[in-house]
Amino acid sequence: MSSSSDKVRASHILIKHQGSRRKASWKDPDGHVITSTTRESAVAQLKTLRDDIVSGKAKFADVAARYSDCSSAKRGGDLGSFGKGQMQKPFEEATYALKVGEISDIVDTDSGVHIILRTG
């Protein structure tokens, strides 16, 4: 059994694209935008958003609330705490590799492309 010290807490911003396993989100319920978004353009959008956050032009939670395709957007991207085996492997590995307060580079999963902020 894993102890609570094995858990991490993170927020993320997800941009879905035509390669995502579910091509719909809270802000694009019919998937019109997502179906016509290439992975390359999703990555480009996410890189721009990441630059704005890292440079201090924008707050992570505000960007997540506005742009993330995940329903966690309404919580500023907060996913709460999770342990190993609860998230898709690339997401989990990227999160555990971060120090608290660090933001990942682009992370690819079946859901789309993400940037992750480790918060705990």
PDB file of N, CA and C in Angstrom:
ATOM      1  N   MET A   1       0.840  -1.198   0.000  1.00  0.00           N
ATOM      2  CA  MET A   1       0.000   0.000   0.000  1.00  0.00           C
ATOM      3  C   MET A   1       0.874   1.247   0.000  1.00  0.00           C
ATOM      4  N   SER A   2       0.512   2.227  -0.812  1.00  0.00           N
ATOM      5  CA  SER A   2       1.362   3.426  -0.883  1.00  0.00           C
ATOM      6  C   SER A   2       0.923   4.437   0.170  1.00  0.00           C
ATOM      7  N   SER A   3       1.883   5.122   0.706  1.00  0.00           N
ATOM      8  CA  SER A   3       1.565   6.139   1.713  1.00  0.00           C
ATOM      9  C   SER A   3       1.229   7.449   1.011  1.00  0.00           C
ATOM     10  N   SER A   4       0.638   8.370   1.740  1.00  0.00           N
ATOM     11  CA  SER A   4       0.234   9.636   1.124  1.00  0.00           C
ATOM     12  C   SER A   4       1.447  10.433   0.647  1.00  0.00           C
ATOM     13  N   SER A   5       2.629  10.114   1.170  1.00  0.00           N
ATOM     14  CA  SER A   5       3.822  10.838   0.735  1.00  0.00           C
ATOM     15  C   SER A   5       4.203  10.484  -0.706  1.00  0.00           C
ATOM     16  N   ASP A   6       3.636   9.378  -1.220  1.00  0.00           N
ATOM     17  CA  ASP A   6       3.900   9.006  -2.606  1.00  0.00           C
ATOM     18  C   ASP A   6       3.038   9.808  -3.578  1.00  0.00           C
ATOM     19  N   LYS A   7       2.071  10.528  -3.038  1.00  0.00           N
ATOM     20  CA  LYS A   7       1.149  11.255  -3.912  1.00  0.00           C
ATOM     21  C   LYS A   7       1.726  12.594  -4.349  1.00  0.00           C
ATOM     22  N   VAL A   8       1.261  13.051  -5.473  1.00  0.00           N
ATOM     23  CA  VAL A   8       1.614  14.375  -5.975  1.00  0.00           C
ATOM     24  C   VAL A   8       0.316  15.126  -6.230  1.00  0.00           C
ATOM     25  N   ARG A   9       0.445  16.423  -6.352  1.00  0.00           N
ATOM     26  CA  ARG A   9      -0.716  17.224  -6.732  1.00  0.00           C
ATOM     27  C   ARG A   9      -0.306  18.079  -7.924  1.00  0.00           C
ATOM     28  N   ALA A  10      -1.197  18.208  -8.872  1.00  0.00           N
ATOM     29  CA  ALA A  10      -0.843  18.941 -10.080  1.00  0.00           C
ATOM     30  C   ALA A  10      -2.060  19.614 -10.699  1.00  0.00           C
ATOM     31  N   SER A  11      -1.755  20.641 -11.481  1.00  0.00           N
ATOM     32  CA  SER A  11      -2.734  21.270 -12.357  1.00  0.00           C
ATOM     33  C   SER A  11      -2.220  21.077 -13.780  1.00  0.00           C
ATOM     34  N   HIS A  12      -3.126  21.115 -14.727  1.00  0.00           N
ATOM     35  CA  HIS A  12      -2.656  20.993 -16.114  1.00  0.00           C
ATOM     36  C   HIS A  12      -3.536  21.798 -17.049  1.00  0.00           C
ATOM     37  N   ILE A  13      -2.993  21.991 -18.236  1.00  0.00           N
ATOM     38  CA  ILE A  13      -3.744  22.581 -19.341  1.00  0.00           C
ATOM     39  C   ILE A  13      -3.683  21.554 -20.460  1.00  0.00           C
ATOM     40  N   LEU A  14      -4.843  21.147 -20.933  1.00  0.00           N
ATOM     41  CA  LEU A  14      -4.948  20.149 -22.001  1.00  0.00           C
ATOM     42  C   LEU A  14      -5.480  20.821 -23.253  1.00  0.00           C
ATOM     43  N   ILE A  15      -4.790  20.582 -24.359  1.00  0.00           N
ATOM     44  CA  ILE A  15      -5.329  20.982 -25.660  1.00  0.00           C
ATOM     45  C   ILE A  15      -5.545  19.694 -26.446  1.00  0.00           C
ATOM     46  N   LYS A  16      -6.790  19.453 -26.807  1.00  0.00           N
ATOM     47  CA  LYS A  16      -7.110  18.262 -27.592  1.00  0.00           C
ATOM     48  C   LYS A  16      -6.870  18.543 -29.071  1.00  0.00           C
ATOM     49  N   HIS A  17      -6.682  17.462 -29.834  1.00  0.00           N
ATOM     50  CA  HIS A  17      -6.471  17.593 -31.279  1.00  0.00           C
ATOM     51  C   HIS A  17      -7.082  16.381 -31.975  1.00  0.00           C
ATOM     52  N   GLN A  18      -6.934  16.337 -33.287  1.00  0.00           N
ATOM     53  CA  GLN A  18      -7.626  15.284 -34.046  1.00  0.00           C
ATOM     54  C   GLN A  18      -7.119  13.874 -33.703  1.00  0.00           C
ATOM     55  N   GLY A  19      -5.977  13.767 -33.045  1.00  0.00           N
ATOM     56  CA  GLY A  19      -5.476  12.459 -32.622  1.00  0.00           C
ATOM     57  C   GLY A  19      -5.940  12.070 -31.221  1.00  0.00           C
ATOM     58  N   SER A  20      -6.673  12.943 -30.544  1.00  0.00           N
ATOM     59  CA  SER A  20      -7.133  12.654 -29.180  1.00  0.00           C
ATOM     60  C   SER A  20      -8.191  11.567 -29.191  1.00  0.00           C
ATOM     61  N   ARG A  21      -8.234  10.787 -28.122  1.00  0.00           N
ATOM     62  CA  ARG A  21      -9.182   9.664 -28.131  1.00  0.00           C
ATOM     63  C   ARG A  21     -10.626  10.144 -28.013  1.00  0.00           C
ATOM     64  N   ARG A  22     -10.862  11.256 -27.332  1.00  0.00           N
ATOM     65  CA  ARG A  22     -12.223  11.834 -27.302  1.00  0.00           C
ATOM     66  C   ARG A  22     -12.150  13.226 -27.888  1.00  0.00           C
ATOM     67  N   LYS A  23     -12.820  13.417 -29.013  1.00  0.00           N
ATOM     68  CA  LYS A  23     -12.705  14.694 -29.713  1.00  0.00           C
ATOM     69  C   LYS A  23     -13.831  15.652 -29.337  1.00  0.00           C
ATOM     70  N   ALA A  24     -14.051  15.807 -28.046  1.00  0.00           N
ATOM     71  CA  ALA A  24     -15.048  16.765 -27.570  1.00  0.00           C
ATOM     72  C   ALA A  24     -14.588  17.240 -26.205  1.00  0.00           C
ATOM     73  N   SER A  25     -15.019  18.441 -25.842  1.00  0.00           N
ATOM     74  CA  SER A  25     -14.689  18.949 -24.509  1.00  0.00           C
ATOM     75  C   SER A  25     -15.783  19.896 -24.065  1.00  0.00           C
ATOM     76  N   TRP A  26     -15.677  20.356 -22.834  1.00  0.00           N
ATOM     77  CA  TRP A  26     -16.683  21.264 -22.278  1.00  0.00           C
ATOM     78  C   TRP A  26     -16.828  22.515 -23.132  1.00  0.00           C
ATOM     79  N   LYS A  27     -15.752  22.945 -23.792  1.00  0.00           N
ATOM     80  CA  LYS A  27     -15.881  24.166 -24.578  1.00  0.00           C
ATOM     81  C   LYS A  27     -16.085  23.892 -26.064  1.00  0.00           C
ATOM     82  N   ASP A  28     -16.038  22.636 -26.429  1.00  0.00           N
ATOM     83  CA  ASP A  28     -16.256  22.240 -27.824  1.00  0.00           C
ATOM     84  C   ASP A  28     -17.043  20.928 -27.826  1.00  0.00           C
ATOM     85  N   PRO A  29     -18.305  20.977 -27.327  1.00  0.00           N
ATOM     86  CA  PRO A  29     -19.056  19.737 -27.102  1.00  0.00           C
ATOM     87  C   PRO A  29     -19.274  18.895 -28.348  1.00  0.00           C
ATOM     88  N   ASP A  30     -19.310  19.525 -29.510  1.00  0.00           N
ATOM     89  CA  ASP A  30     -19.499  18.758 -30.745  1.00  0.00           C
ATOM     90  C   ASP A  30     -18.177  18.401 -31.409  1.00  0.00           C
ATOM     91  N   GLY A  31     -17.083  18.908 -30.854  1.00  0.00           N
ATOM     92  CA  GLY A  31     -15.766  18.554 -31.359  1.00  0.00           C
ATOM     93  C   GLY A  31     -15.394  19.176 -32.691  1.00  0.00           C
ATOM     94  N   HIS A  32     -16.084  20.260 -33.077  1.00  0.00           N
ATOM     95  CA  HIS A  32     -15.784  20.887 -34.377  1.00  0.00           C
ATOM     96  C   HIS A  32     -14.358  21.420 -34.429  1.00  0.00           C
ATOM     97  N   VAL A  33     -13.953  22.133 -33.380  1.00  0.00           N
ATOM     98  CA  VAL A  33     -12.615  22.725 -33.345  1.00  0.00           C
ATOM     99  C   VAL A  33     -11.562  21.626 -33.200  1.00  0.00           C
ATOM    100  N   ILE A  34     -11.814  20.710 -32.266  1.00  0.00           N
ATOM    101  CA  ILE A  34     -10.835  19.663 -31.965  1.00  0.00           C
ATOM    102  C   ILE A  34     -10.557  18.791 -33.196  1.00  0.00           C
ATOM    103  N   THR A  35     -11.612  18.433 -33.933  1.00  0.00           N
ATOM    104  CA  THR A  35     -11.449  17.560 -35.103  1.00  0.00           C
ATOM    105  C   THR A  35     -10.599  18.223 -36.174  1.00  0.00           C
ATOM    106  N   SER A  36     -10.604  19.548 -36.228  1.00  0.00           N
ATOM    107  CA  SER A  36      -9.810  20.223 -37.255  1.00  0.00           C
ATOM    108  C   SER A  36      -8.479  20.767 -36.718  1.00  0.00           C
ATOM    109  N   THR A  37      -8.152  20.425 -35.469  1.00  0.00           N
ATOM    110  CA  THR A  37      -6.885  20.872 -34.884  1.00  0.00           C
ATOM    111  C   THR A  37      -5.832  19.783 -35.040  1.00  0.00           C
ATOM    112  N   THR A  38      -4.727  20.116 -35.694  1.00  0.00           N
ATOM    113  CA  THR A  38      -3.639  19.141 -35.808  1.00  0.00           C
ATOM    114  C   THR A  38      -2.853  19.112 -34.499  1.00  0.00           C
ATOM    115  N   ARG A  39      -2.107  18.051 -34.299  1.00  0.00           N
ATOM    116  CA  ARG A  39      -1.261  17.983 -33.109  1.00  0.00           C
ATOM    117  C   ARG A  39      -0.274  19.149 -33.120  1.00  0.00           C
ATOM    118  N   GLU A  40       0.259  19.459 -34.300  1.00  0.00           N
ATOM    119  CA  GLU A  40       1.238  20.547 -34.409  1.00  0.00           C
ATOM    120  C   GLU A  40       0.647  21.881 -33.961  1.00  0.00           C
ATOM    121  N   SER A  41      -0.580  22.159 -34.371  1.00  0.00           N
ATOM    122  CA  SER A  41      -1.163  23.449 -33.982  1.00  0.00           C
ATOM    123  C   SER A  41      -1.538  23.461 -32.510  1.00  0.00           C
ATOM    124  N   ALA A  42      -1.919  22.290 -31.965  1.00  0.00           N
ATOM    125  CA  ALA A  42      -2.208  22.197 -30.525  1.00  0.00           C
ATOM    126  C   ALA A  42      -0.930  22.469 -29.726  1.00  0.00           C
ATOM    127  N   VAL A  43       0.181  21.882 -30.164  1.00  0.00           N
ATOM    128  CA  VAL A  43       1.470  22.092 -29.495  1.00  0.00           C
ATOM    129  C   VAL A  43       1.884  23.558 -29.587  1.00  0.00           C
ATOM    130  N   ALA A  44       1.703  24.149 -30.764  1.00  0.00           N
ATOM    131  CA  ALA A  44       2.084  25.560 -30.950  1.00  0.00           C
ATOM    132  C   ALA A  44       1.286  26.456 -30.014  1.00  0.00           C
ATOM    133  N   GLN A  45      -0.011  26.191 -29.901  1.00  0.00           N
ATOM    134  CA  GLN A  45      -0.862  26.986 -29.000  1.00  0.00           C
ATOM    135  C   GLN A  45      -0.397  26.821 -27.550  1.00  0.00           C
ATOM    136  N   LEU A  46      -0.117  25.593 -27.182  1.00  0.00           N
ATOM    137  CA  LEU A  46       0.295  25.304 -25.808  1.00  0.00           C
ATOM    138  C   LEU A  46       1.643  25.948 -25.491  1.00  0.00           C
ATOM    139  N   LYS A  47       2.560  25.951 -26.455  1.00  0.00           N
ATOM    140  CA  LYS A  47       3.873  26.583 -26.234  1.00  0.00           C
ATOM    141  C   LYS A  47       3.711  28.079 -25.987  1.00  0.00           C
ATOM    142  N   THR A  48       2.829  28.716 -26.752  1.00  0.00           N
ATOM    143  CA  THR A  48       2.575  30.144 -26.570  1.00  0.00           C
ATOM    144  C   THR A  48       1.995  30.406 -25.183  1.00  0.00           C
ATOM    145  N   LEU A  49       1.030  29.582 -24.784  1.00  0.00           N
ATOM    146  CA  LEU A  49       0.422  29.731 -23.451  1.00  0.00           C
ATOM    147  C   LEU A  49       1.470  29.520 -22.364  1.00  0.00           C
ATOM    148  N   ARG A  50       2.337  28.508 -22.546  1.00  0.00           N
ATOM    149  CA  ARG A  50       3.382  28.221 -21.562  1.00  0.00           C
ATOM    150  C   ARG A  50       4.332  29.413 -21.437  1.00  0.00           C
ATOM    151  N   ASP A  51       4.704  29.998 -22.584  1.00  0.00           N
ATOM    152  CA  ASP A  51       5.597  31.165 -22.567  1.00  0.00           C
ATOM    153  C   ASP A  51       4.975  32.313 -21.776  1.00  0.00           C
ATOM    154  N   ASP A  52       3.678  32.527 -21.968  1.00  0.00           N
ATOM    155  CA  ASP A  52       2.977  33.602 -21.246  1.00  0.00           C
ATOM    156  C   ASP A  52       2.995  33.360 -19.739  1.00  0.00           C
ATOM    157  N   ILE A  53       2.845  32.096 -19.344  1.00  0.00           N
ATOM    158  CA  ILE A  53       2.840  31.755 -17.916  1.00  0.00           C
ATOM    159  C   ILE A  53       4.244  31.906 -17.327  1.00  0.00           C
ATOM    160  N   VAL A  54       5.239  31.342 -18.025  1.00  0.00           N
ATOM    161  CA  VAL A  54       6.614  31.366 -17.522  1.00  0.00           C
ATOM    162  C   VAL A  54       7.150  32.795 -17.432  1.00  0.00           C
ATOM    163  N   SER A  55       6.756  33.628 -18.391  1.00  0.00           N
ATOM    164  CA  SER A  55       7.243  35.014 -18.394  1.00  0.00           C
ATOM    165  C   SER A  55       6.489  35.899 -17.399  1.00  0.00           C
ATOM    166  N   GLY A  56       5.413  35.353 -16.808  1.00  0.00           N
ATOM    167  CA  GLY A  56       4.655  36.126 -15.829  1.00  0.00           C
ATOM    168  C   GLY A  56       3.541  36.964 -16.421  1.00  0.00           C
ATOM    169  N   LYS A  57       3.350  36.852 -17.752  1.00  0.00           N
ATOM    170  CA  LYS A  57       2.278  37.619 -18.404  1.00  0.00           C
ATOM    171  C   LYS A  57       0.899  37.108 -18.020  1.00  0.00           C
ATOM    172  N   ALA A  58       0.825  35.819 -17.689  1.00  0.00           N
ATOM    173  CA  ALA A  58      -0.466  35.208 -17.372  1.00  0.00           C
ATOM    174  C   ALA A  58      -0.285  34.223 -16.219  1.00  0.00           C
ATOM    175  N   LYS A  59      -1.370  34.018 -15.477  1.00  0.00           N
ATOM    176  CA  LYS A  59      -1.355  33.040 -14.381  1.00  0.00           C
ATOM    177  C   LYS A  59      -1.829  31.688 -14.908  1.00  0.00           C
ATOM    178  N   PHE A  60      -1.195  30.628 -14.430  1.00  0.00           N
ATOM    179  CA  PHE A  60      -1.528  29.280 -14.891  1.00  0.00           C
ATOM    180  C   PHE A  60      -3.025  29.007 -14.771  1.00  0.00           C
ATOM    181  N   ALA A  61      -3.587  29.313 -13.599  1.00  0.00           N
ATOM    182  CA  ALA A  61      -5.009  29.005 -13.354  1.00  0.00           C
ATOM    183  C   ALA A  61      -5.929  29.761 -14.313  1.00  0.00           C
ATOM    184  N   ASP A  62      -5.566  31.007 -14.639  1.00  0.00           N
ATOM    185  CA  ASP A  62      -6.396  31.802 -15.558  1.00  0.00           C
ATOM    186  C   ASP A  62      -6.340  31.228 -16.966  1.00  0.00           C
ATOM    187  N   VAL A  63      -5.143  30.838 -17.385  1.00  0.00           N
ATOM    188  CA  VAL A  63      -4.970  30.256 -18.719  1.00  0.00           C
ATOM    189  C   VAL A  63      -5.716  28.926 -18.809  1.00  0.00           C
ATOM    190  N   ALA A  64      -5.600  28.111 -17.757  1.00  0.00           N
ATOM    191  CA  ALA A  64      -6.301  26.822 -17.738  1.00  0.00           C
ATOM    192  C   ALA A  64      -7.807  27.031 -17.830  1.00  0.00           C
ATOM    193  N   ALA A  65      -8.315  27.985 -17.058  1.00  0.00           N
ATOM    194  CA  ALA A  65      -9.757  28.234 -17.024  1.00  0.00           C
ATOM    195  C   ALA A  65     -10.282  28.630 -18.400  1.00  0.00           C
ATOM    196  N   ARG A  66      -9.431  29.305 -19.166  1.00  0.00           N
ATOM    197  CA  ARG A  66      -9.868  29.809 -20.454  1.00  0.00           C
ATOM    198  C   ARG A  66      -9.630  28.841 -21.610  1.00  0.00           C
ATOM    199  N   TYR A  67      -8.507  28.152 -21.573  1.00  0.00           N
ATOM    200  CA  TYR A  67      -8.086  27.400 -22.759  1.00  0.00           C
ATOM    201  C   TYR A  67      -8.093  25.886 -22.625  1.00  0.00           C
ATOM    202  N   SER A  68      -8.049  25.358 -21.395  1.00  0.00           N
ATOM    203  CA  SER A  68      -7.911  23.904 -21.258  1.00  0.00           C
ATOM    204  C   SER A  68      -9.162  23.175 -21.720  1.00  0.00           C
ATOM    205  N   ASP A  69      -8.948  22.055 -22.435  1.00  0.00           N
ATOM    206  CA  ASP A  69     -10.057  21.219 -22.881  1.00  0.00           C
ATOM    207  C   ASP A  69     -10.486  20.211 -21.816  1.00  0.00           C
ATOM    208  N   CYS A  70      -9.853  20.248 -20.657  1.00  0.00           N
ATOM    209  CA  CYS A  70     -10.218  19.335 -19.576  1.00  0.00           C
ATOM    210  C   CYS A  70     -11.265  20.001 -18.692  1.00  0.00           C
ATOM    211  N   SER A  71     -12.167  19.197 -18.115  1.00  0.00           N
ATOM    212  CA  SER A  71     -13.182  19.770 -17.230  1.00  0.00           C
ATOM    213  C   SER A  71     -12.566  20.367 -15.964  1.00  0.00           C
ATOM    214  N   SER A  72     -11.284  20.050 -15.692  1.00  0.00           N
ATOM    215  CA  SER A  72     -10.590  20.670 -14.554  1.00  0.00           C
ATOM    216  C   SER A  72     -10.380  22.172 -14.784  1.00  0.00           C
ATOM    217  N   ALA A  73     -10.664  22.648 -15.985  1.00  0.00           N
ATOM    218  CA  ALA A  73     -10.510  24.076 -16.295  1.00  0.00           C
ATOM    219  C   ALA A  73     -11.254  24.948 -15.291  1.00  0.00           C
ATOM    220  N   LYS A  74     -12.444  24.487 -14.879  1.00  0.00           N
ATOM    221  CA  LYS A  74     -13.233  25.313 -13.956  1.00  0.00           C
ATOM    222  C   LYS A  74     -12.599  25.402 -12.570  1.00  0.00           C
ATOM    223  N   ARG A  75     -11.612  24.548 -12.309  1.00  0.00           N
ATOM    224  CA  ARG A  75     -10.841  24.642 -11.057  1.00  0.00           C
ATOM    225  C   ARG A  75      -9.444  25.191 -11.322  1.00  0.00           C
ATOM    226  N   GLY A  76      -9.288  25.898 -12.419  1.00  0.00           N
ATOM    227  CA  GLY A  76      -7.978  26.445 -12.765  1.00  0.00           C
ATOM    228  C   GLY A  76      -6.987  25.366 -13.154  1.00  0.00           C
ATOM    229  N   GLY A  77      -7.517  24.235 -13.607  1.00  0.00           N
ATOM    230  CA  GLY A  77      -6.668  23.130 -14.058  1.00  0.00           C
ATOM    231  C   GLY A  77      -6.294  22.151 -12.963  1.00  0.00           C
ATOM    232  N   ASP A  78      -6.761  22.394 -11.742  1.00  0.00           N
ATOM    233  CA  ASP A  78      -6.360  21.557 -10.604  1.00  0.00           C
ATOM    234  C   ASP A  78      -6.939  20.155 -10.707  1.00  0.00           C
ATOM    235  N   LEU A  79      -6.062  19.158 -10.655  1.00  0.00           N
ATOM    236  CA  LEU A  79      -6.487  17.758 -10.691  1.00  0.00           C
ATOM    237  C   LEU A  79      -6.528  17.140  -9.300  1.00  0.00           C
ATOM    238  N   GLY A  80      -6.107  17.900  -8.291  1.00  0.00           N
ATOM    239  CA  GLY A  80      -6.040  17.343  -6.948  1.00  0.00           C
ATOM    240  C   GLY A  80      -4.838  16.423  -6.822  1.00  0.00           C
ATOM    241  N   SER A  81      -4.862  15.597  -5.786  1.00  0.00           N
ATOM    242  CA  SER A  81      -3.744  14.679  -5.529  1.00  0.00           C
ATOM    243  C   SER A  81      -3.977  13.351  -6.218  1.00  0.00           C
ATOM    244  N   PHE A  82      -2.894  12.742  -6.646  1.00  0.00           N
ATOM    245  CA  PHE A  82      -3.003  11.401  -7.218  1.00  0.00           C
ATOM    246  C   PHE A  82      -1.708  10.636  -6.973  1.00  0.00           C
ATOM    247  N   GLY A  83      -1.842   9.329  -6.988  1.00  0.00           N
ATOM    248  CA  GLY A  83      -0.692   8.453  -6.792  1.00  0.00           C
ATOM    249  C   GLY A  83      -0.325   7.758  -8.083  1.00  0.00           C
ATOM    250  N   LYS A  84       0.679   6.920  -8.005  1.00  0.00           N
ATOM    251  CA  LYS A  84       1.128   6.185  -9.197  1.00  0.00           C
ATOM    252  C   LYS A  84       0.032   5.253  -9.671  1.00  0.00           C
ATOM    253  N   GLY A  85      -0.091   5.140 -10.985  1.00  0.00           N
ATOM    254  CA  GLY A  85      -1.074   4.230 -11.569  1.00  0.00           C
ATOM    255  C   GLY A  85      -2.450   4.836 -11.776  1.00  0.00           C
ATOM    256  N   GLN A  86      -2.632   6.102 -11.388  1.00  0.00           N
ATOM    257  CA  GLN A  86      -3.957   6.722 -11.532  1.00  0.00           C
ATOM    258  C   GLN A  86      -4.107   7.544 -12.809  1.00  0.00           C
ATOM    259  N   MET A  87      -2.975   7.967 -13.366  1.00  0.00           N
ATOM    260  CA  MET A  87      -2.998   8.793 -14.576  1.00  0.00           C
ATOM    261  C   MET A  87      -2.323   8.023 -15.712  1.00  0.00           C
ATOM    262  N   GLN A  88      -2.507   8.520 -16.936  1.00  0.00           N
ATOM    263  CA  GLN A  88      -1.792   7.916 -18.053  1.00  0.00           C
ATOM    264  C   GLN A  88      -0.290   8.050 -17.783  1.00  0.00           C
ATOM    265  N   LYS A  89       0.455   7.008 -18.190  1.00  0.00           N
ATOM    266  CA  LYS A  89       1.872   6.892 -17.834  1.00  0.00           C
ATOM    267  C   LYS A  89       2.709   8.142 -18.169  1.00  0.00           C
ATOM    268  N   PRO A  90       2.607   8.691 -19.385  1.00  0.00           N
ATOM    269  CA  PRO A  90       3.452   9.861 -19.689  1.00  0.00           C
ATOM    270  C   PRO A  90       3.133  11.047 -18.768  1.00  0.00           C
ATOM    271  N   PHE A  91       1.865  11.179 -18.432  1.00  0.00           N
ATOM    272  CA  PHE A  91       1.431  12.276 -17.556  1.00  0.00           C
ATOM    273  C   PHE A  91       2.004  12.074 -16.158  1.00  0.00           C
ATOM    274  N   GLU A  92       1.876  10.848 -15.662  1.00  0.00           N
ATOM    275  CA  GLU A  92       2.390  10.517 -14.332  1.00  0.00           C
ATOM    276  C   GLU A  92       3.901  10.736 -14.265  1.00  0.00           C
ATOM    277  N   GLU A  93       4.616  10.229 -15.255  1.00  0.00           N
ATOM    278  CA  GLU A  93       6.074  10.342 -15.238  1.00  0.00           C
ATOM    279  C   GLU A  93       6.516  11.797 -15.271  1.00  0.00           C
ATOM    280  N   ALA A  94       5.860  12.591 -16.096  1.00  0.00           N
ATOM    281  CA  ALA A  94       6.216  14.014 -16.191  1.00  0.00           C
ATOM    282  C   ALA A  94       5.960  14.729 -14.868  1.00  0.00           C
ATOM    283  N   THR A  95       4.835  14.414 -14.227  1.00  0.00           N
ATOM    284  CA  THR A  95       4.479  15.078 -12.971  1.00  0.00           C
ATOM    285  C   THR A  95       5.475  14.730 -11.870  1.00  0.00           C
ATOM    286  N   TYR A  96       5.791  13.450 -11.741  1.00  0.00           N
ATOM    287  CA  TYR A  96       6.718  13.016 -10.691  1.00  0.00           C
ATOM    288  C   TYR A  96       8.130  13.573 -10.920  1.00  0.00           C
ATOM    289  N   ALA A  97       8.468  13.883 -12.172  1.00  0.00           N
ATOM    290  CA  ALA A  97       9.804  14.405 -12.483  1.00  0.00           C
ATOM    291  C   ALA A  97       9.934  15.898 -12.134  1.00  0.00           C
ATOM    292  N   LEU A  98       8.818  16.580 -11.956  1.00  0.00           N
ATOM    293  CA  LEU A  98       8.842  18.013 -11.653  1.00  0.00           C
ATOM    294  C   LEU A  98       9.062  18.258 -10.170  1.00  0.00           C
ATOM    295  N   LYS A  99       9.670  19.401  -9.862  1.00  0.00           N
ATOM    296  CA  LYS A  99       9.669  19.883  -8.476  1.00  0.00           C
ATOM    297  C   LYS A  99       8.408  20.719  -8.295  1.00  0.00           C
ATOM    298  N   VAL A 100       7.963  20.877  -7.061  1.00  0.00           N
ATOM    299  CA  VAL A 100       6.780  21.700  -6.787  1.00  0.00           C
ATOM    300  C   VAL A 100       7.031  23.110  -7.333  1.00  0.00           C
ATOM    301  N   GLY A 101       6.052  23.610  -8.091  1.00  0.00           N
ATOM    302  CA  GLY A 101       6.175  24.942  -8.677  1.00  0.00           C
ATOM    303  C   GLY A 101       6.727  24.950 -10.085  1.00  0.00           C
ATOM    304  N   GLU A 102       7.234  23.807 -10.544  1.00  0.00           N
ATOM    305  CA  GLU A 102       7.769  23.726 -11.903  1.00  0.00           C
ATOM    306  C   GLU A 102       6.672  23.380 -12.906  1.00  0.00           C
ATOM    307  N   ILE A 103       6.893  23.831 -14.137  1.00  0.00           N
ATOM    308  CA  ILE A 103       5.962  23.547 -15.238  1.00  0.00           C
ATOM    309  C   ILE A 103       6.666  22.660 -16.250  1.00  0.00           C
ATOM    310  N   SER A 104       5.974  21.630 -16.677  1.00  0.00           N
ATOM    311  CA  SER A 104       6.565  20.685 -17.636  1.00  0.00           C
ATOM    312  C   SER A 104       6.661  21.300 -19.026  1.00  0.00           C
ATOM    313  N   ASP A 105       7.437  20.614 -19.869  1.00  0.00           N
ATOM    314  CA  ASP A 105       7.368  20.873 -21.298  1.00  0.00           C
ATOM    315  C   ASP A 105       6.094  20.194 -21.804  1.00  0.00           C
ATOM    316  N   ILE A 106       5.935  20.157 -23.110  1.00  0.00           N
ATOM    317  CA  ILE A 106       4.752  19.528 -23.700  1.00  0.00           C
ATOM    318  C   ILE A 106       4.763  18.027 -23.393  1.00  0.00           C
ATOM    319  N   VAL A 107       3.635  17.514 -22.905  1.00  0.00           N
ATOM    320  CA  VAL A 107       3.486  16.096 -22.607  1.00  0.00           C
ATOM    321  C   VAL A 107       2.355  15.544 -23.479  1.00  0.00           C
ATOM    322  N   ASP A 108       2.661  14.481 -24.209  1.00  0.00           N
ATOM    323  CA  ASP A 108       1.675  13.834 -25.080  1.00  0.00           C
ATOM    324  C   ASP A 108       1.001  12.675 -24.365  1.00  0.00           C
ATOM    325  N   THR A 109      -0.337  12.619 -24.388  1.00  0.00           N
ATOM    326  CA  THR A 109      -1.057  11.418 -23.935  1.00  0.00           C
ATOM    327  C   THR A 109      -2.149  11.125 -24.956  1.00  0.00           C
ATOM    328  N   ASP A 110      -2.895  10.057 -24.705  1.00  0.00           N
ATOM    329  CA  ASP A 110      -4.022   9.728 -25.588  1.00  0.00           C
ATOM    330  C   ASP A 110      -5.085  10.818 -25.561  1.00  0.00           C
ATOM    331  N   SER A 111      -5.080  11.634 -24.514  1.00  0.00           N
ATOM    332  CA  SER A 111      -6.094  12.685 -24.386  1.00  0.00           C
ATOM    333  C   SER A 111      -5.760  13.910 -25.227  1.00  0.00           C
ATOM    334  N   GLY A 112      -4.479  14.135 -25.488  1.00  0.00           N
ATOM    335  CA  GLY A 112      -4.059  15.327 -26.212  1.00  0.00           C
ATOM    336  C   GLY A 112      -2.685  15.762 -25.723  1.00  0.00           C
ATOM    337  N   VAL A 113      -2.409  17.065 -25.834  1.00  0.00           N
ATOM    338  CA  VAL A 113      -1.134  17.583 -25.358  1.00  0.00           C
ATOM    339  C   VAL A 113      -1.376  18.439 -24.115  1.00  0.00           C
ATOM    340  N   HIS A 114      -0.468  18.332 -23.158  1.00  0.00           N
ATOM    341  CA  HIS A 114      -0.623  18.989 -21.879  1.00  0.00           C
ATOM    342  C   HIS A 114       0.630  19.771 -21.507  1.00  0.00           C
ATOM    343  N   ILE A 115       0.451  20.769 -20.637  1.00  0.00           N
ATOM    344  CA  ILE A 115       1.543  21.239 -19.790  1.00  0.00           C
ATOM    345  C   ILE A 115       1.051  21.049 -18.361  1.00  0.00           C
ATOM    346  N   ILE A 116       1.976  20.668 -17.502  1.00  0.00           N
ATOM    347  CA  ILE A 116       1.633  20.296 -16.127  1.00  0.00           C
ATOM    348  C   ILE A 116       2.378  21.192 -15.152  1.00  0.00           C
ATOM    349  N   LEU A 117       1.650  21.672 -14.172  1.00  0.00           N
ATOM    350  CA  LEU A 117       2.238  22.446 -13.071  1.00  0.00           C
ATOM    351  C   LEU A 117       2.124  21.589 -11.825  1.00  0.00           C
ATOM    352  N   ARG A 118       3.271  21.225 -11.248  1.00  0.00           N
ATOM    353  CA  ARG A 118       3.223  20.449 -10.013  1.00  0.00           C
ATOM    354  C   ARG A 118       2.982  21.405  -8.853  1.00  0.00           C
ATOM    355  N   THR A 119       1.949  21.128  -8.083  1.00  0.00           N
ATOM    356  CA  THR A 119       1.573  22.030  -6.985  1.00  0.00           C
ATOM    357  C   THR A 119       1.780  21.405  -5.625  1.00  0.00           C
ATOM    358  N   GLY A 120       2.074  20.123  -5.565  1.00  0.00           N
ATOM    359  CA  GLY A 120       2.299  19.500  -4.267  1.00  0.00           C
ATOM    360  C   GLY A 120       2.868  18.119  -4.384  1.00  0.00           C
TER     361      GLY A 120
END
